[in-house]
Protein backbone atom coordinates (compact mmCIF):
# COMPACT_ATOMS: atom_id res chain seq x y z
CA MET A 1 -0.03 -0.39 0.07
CA PRO A 2 1.70 3.86 -0.75
CA TYR A 3 2.39 6.17 1.74
CA TYR A 4 0.89 9.36 2.64
CA TYR A 5 3.78 12.00 3.43
CA ARG A 6 2.85 15.38 4.85
CA PHE A 7 6.27 17.82 5.23
CA ASP A 8 7.64 21.34 5.92
CA TYR A 9 10.11 22.39 3.55
CA LEU A 10 12.78 25.46 2.88
CA ILE A 11 14.49 25.31 -0.56
CA ARG A 12 17.82 26.95 -0.69
CA ASN A 13 19.79 28.14 -3.46
CA ALA A 14 23.70 27.42 -3.75
CA ASP A 15 24.31 30.01 -1.97
CA GLY A 16 22.54 28.71 1.37
CA GLU A 17 19.75 31.37 0.61
CA ILE A 18 16.53 30.47 1.34
CA VAL A 19 14.29 30.65 -2.10
CA ASP A 20 11.19 29.39 -1.16
CA GLY A 21 9.71 26.83 1.61
CA SER A 22 6.14 26.20 3.43
CA GLU A 23 6.70 28.77 6.17
CA SER A 24 4.87 31.37 4.08
CA GLY A 25 1.93 28.64 3.26
CA GLU A 26 0.71 24.87 4.02
CA ALA A 27 3.25 22.48 4.03
CA LEU A 28 3.09 20.04 0.77
CA SER A 29 1.92 16.13 0.95
CA PHE A 30 1.84 13.80 -1.52
CA VAL A 31 0.73 9.70 -1.89
CA GLU A 32 3.94 7.87 -3.19
CA GLY A 33 3.53 7.61 -6.95
CA ASP A 34 1.60 10.51 -8.05
CA LYS A 35 2.51 12.33 -11.00
CA ASN A 36 2.66 15.43 -9.36
CA THR A 37 5.46 15.21 -6.99
CA ILE A 38 9.12 15.13 -8.15
CA VAL A 39 10.75 11.64 -7.94
CA GLY A 40 13.89 13.34 -6.17
CA LEU A 41 11.27 14.36 -3.17
CA GLN A 42 9.38 10.61 -3.10
CA ASN A 43 12.70 8.92 -3.11
CA ALA A 44 13.93 10.97 0.09
CA LEU A 45 10.91 10.61 1.58
CA ALA A 46 10.69 7.17 0.93
CA GLY A 47 10.75 5.11 4.57
CA ARG A 48 10.90 8.23 6.55
CA MET A 49 8.69 8.62 9.84
CA ALA A 50 6.69 11.71 11.25
CA GLY A 51 9.24 13.59 12.87
CA ASP A 52 12.53 12.66 10.80
CA GLU A 53 14.34 16.11 9.98
CA PHE A 54 17.10 15.61 7.29
CA LYS A 55 18.67 17.63 3.76
CA VAL A 56 18.84 16.34 0.69
CA THR A 57 20.04 17.75 -2.68
CA ILE A 58 18.08 16.87 -5.62
CA GLY A 59 19.61 16.99 -9.40
CA PRO A 60 17.78 17.64 -12.59
CA ASP A 61 17.32 13.99 -13.09
CA GLU A 62 15.44 13.72 -10.11
CA ALA A 63 13.19 17.00 -10.44
CA TYR A 64 12.52 18.68 -13.79
CA GLY A 65 14.95 17.37 -15.91
CA TRP A 66 17.69 18.98 -17.85
CA SER A 67 16.66 21.58 -20.34
CA GLN A 68 16.45 20.40 -24.24
CA ARG A 69 17.82 22.17 -27.04
CA ASN A 70 15.18 20.97 -29.15
CA LEU A 71 12.25 22.91 -26.88
CA VAL A 72 13.81 26.08 -28.17
CA ARG A 73 13.00 26.97 -31.20
CA THR A 74 12.05 29.90 -33.49
CA VAL A 75 8.29 30.39 -34.67
CA SER A 76 6.60 32.59 -37.11
CA ARG A 77 5.35 35.81 -35.15
CA GLU A 78 1.97 35.28 -37.55
CA VAL A 79 1.46 32.18 -34.61
CA PHE A 80 0.74 34.23 -31.72
CA ASP A 81 -2.16 36.32 -31.66
CA VAL A 82 -1.85 38.59 -29.14
CA GLY A 83 -1.66 42.35 -28.77
CA LYS A 84 1.23 42.58 -27.10
CA LEU A 85 4.38 40.36 -26.92
CA GLU A 86 7.02 40.97 -24.54
CA VAL A 87 9.99 38.86 -23.57
CA GLY A 88 9.61 36.48 -20.44
CA MET A 89 5.66 36.26 -21.20
CA ILE A 90 4.37 32.85 -20.30
CA PHE A 91 2.32 31.30 -22.75
CA GLN A 92 0.13 28.54 -22.91
CA VAL A 93 -0.92 26.71 -26.14
CA GLU A 94 -2.96 23.40 -26.41
CA SER A 95 -3.49 20.98 -29.38
CA GLY A 96 -6.55 18.37 -28.82
CA GLU A 97 -5.32 17.14 -25.30
CA THR A 98 -1.80 18.14 -24.95
CA GLY A 99 -0.92 21.61 -23.53
CA GLU A 100 2.61 23.10 -23.98
CA VAL A 101 3.60 25.70 -21.83
CA GLY A 102 6.44 28.45 -23.22
CA LYS A 103 8.10 31.67 -22.65
CA VAL A 104 9.10 34.22 -25.23
CA LEU A 105 12.82 34.58 -25.00
CA SER A 106 13.45 37.01 -27.96
CA ILE A 107 11.16 38.98 -30.46
CA THR A 108 12.31 40.23 -34.04
CA GLU A 109 9.89 41.95 -36.63
CA HIS A 110 8.73 38.80 -37.94
CA GLU A 111 10.35 36.11 -35.39
CA ILE A 112 9.71 34.73 -31.90
CA VAL A 113 11.97 32.40 -30.28
CA ILE A 114 10.36 30.45 -27.35
CA ASP A 115 11.48 27.99 -24.69
CA SER A 116 8.91 25.10 -23.59
CA ASN A 117 11.23 23.23 -21.73
CA HIS A 118 9.79 23.70 -17.94
CA PRO A 119 11.16 26.87 -16.23
CA LEU A 120 12.78 24.81 -13.70
CA ALA A 121 14.58 22.47 -15.81
CA GLY A 122 18.08 22.53 -15.29
CA LEU A 123 18.04 22.98 -11.52
CA THR A 124 19.13 21.70 -8.68
CA PHE A 125 17.03 21.80 -5.37
CA ASN A 126 18.42 21.95 -2.07
CA PHE A 127 16.01 21.04 0.60
CA ASP A 128 15.70 21.02 4.70
CA ILE A 129 12.81 18.67 5.22
CA LYS A 130 10.84 18.07 8.52
CA VAL A 131 8.48 15.24 8.15
CA LEU A 132 4.93 15.81 9.81
CA GLU A 133 3.32 12.75 8.75
CA ALA A 134 4.21 9.28 7.58
CA ARG A 135 1.28 6.71 7.06
CA GLU A 136 -0.62 4.23 4.43
CA ALA A 137 -2.57 6.52 2.55
CA THR A 138 -6.27 5.65 2.56
CA THR A 139 -8.21 4.42 -0.49
CA ASP A 140 -9.48 7.85 -0.82
CA GLU A 141 -6.43 9.41 -1.03
CA ILE A 142 -5.06 7.01 -3.78
CA ASN A 143 -8.07 7.11 -5.79
CA ALA A 144 -7.59 11.07 -5.77
CA VAL A 145 -4.05 10.57 -7.54
CA SER A 146 -5.06 7.49 -9.84
CA PRO A 147 -8.92 7.01 -10.26
CA GLU A 148 -9.82 3.99 -11.53
């Protein structure tokens, strides 16, 4: 039976500065095997118990992957049907059942360079974690992440 974990966290950059954390919001939680939690966190919490506190570094292979050059491409400006385009703008394109999120990197008169990599691709995360809850997931929690 999969486990349910709830935990407080801090994320530190390479200089040790806090860049995110649950102090300003709610603790994170997940059920083992869900597709919304990075594999590195799932692996780091596996077998942990409530009260455990630890640090873990999670690289791109177990987080959001590496940036892929083929996801940075140049498209005709005509592809975008918006009034004002700006560098840094985030957009979502949906095609059938799939969607793609991208970021505008540069704009010329006729072309736009877009990056469809995950915004956190290529990053390493340094977590400080305190496990608040670790137990077998309920049937409802399991069904919420993998409906039958």
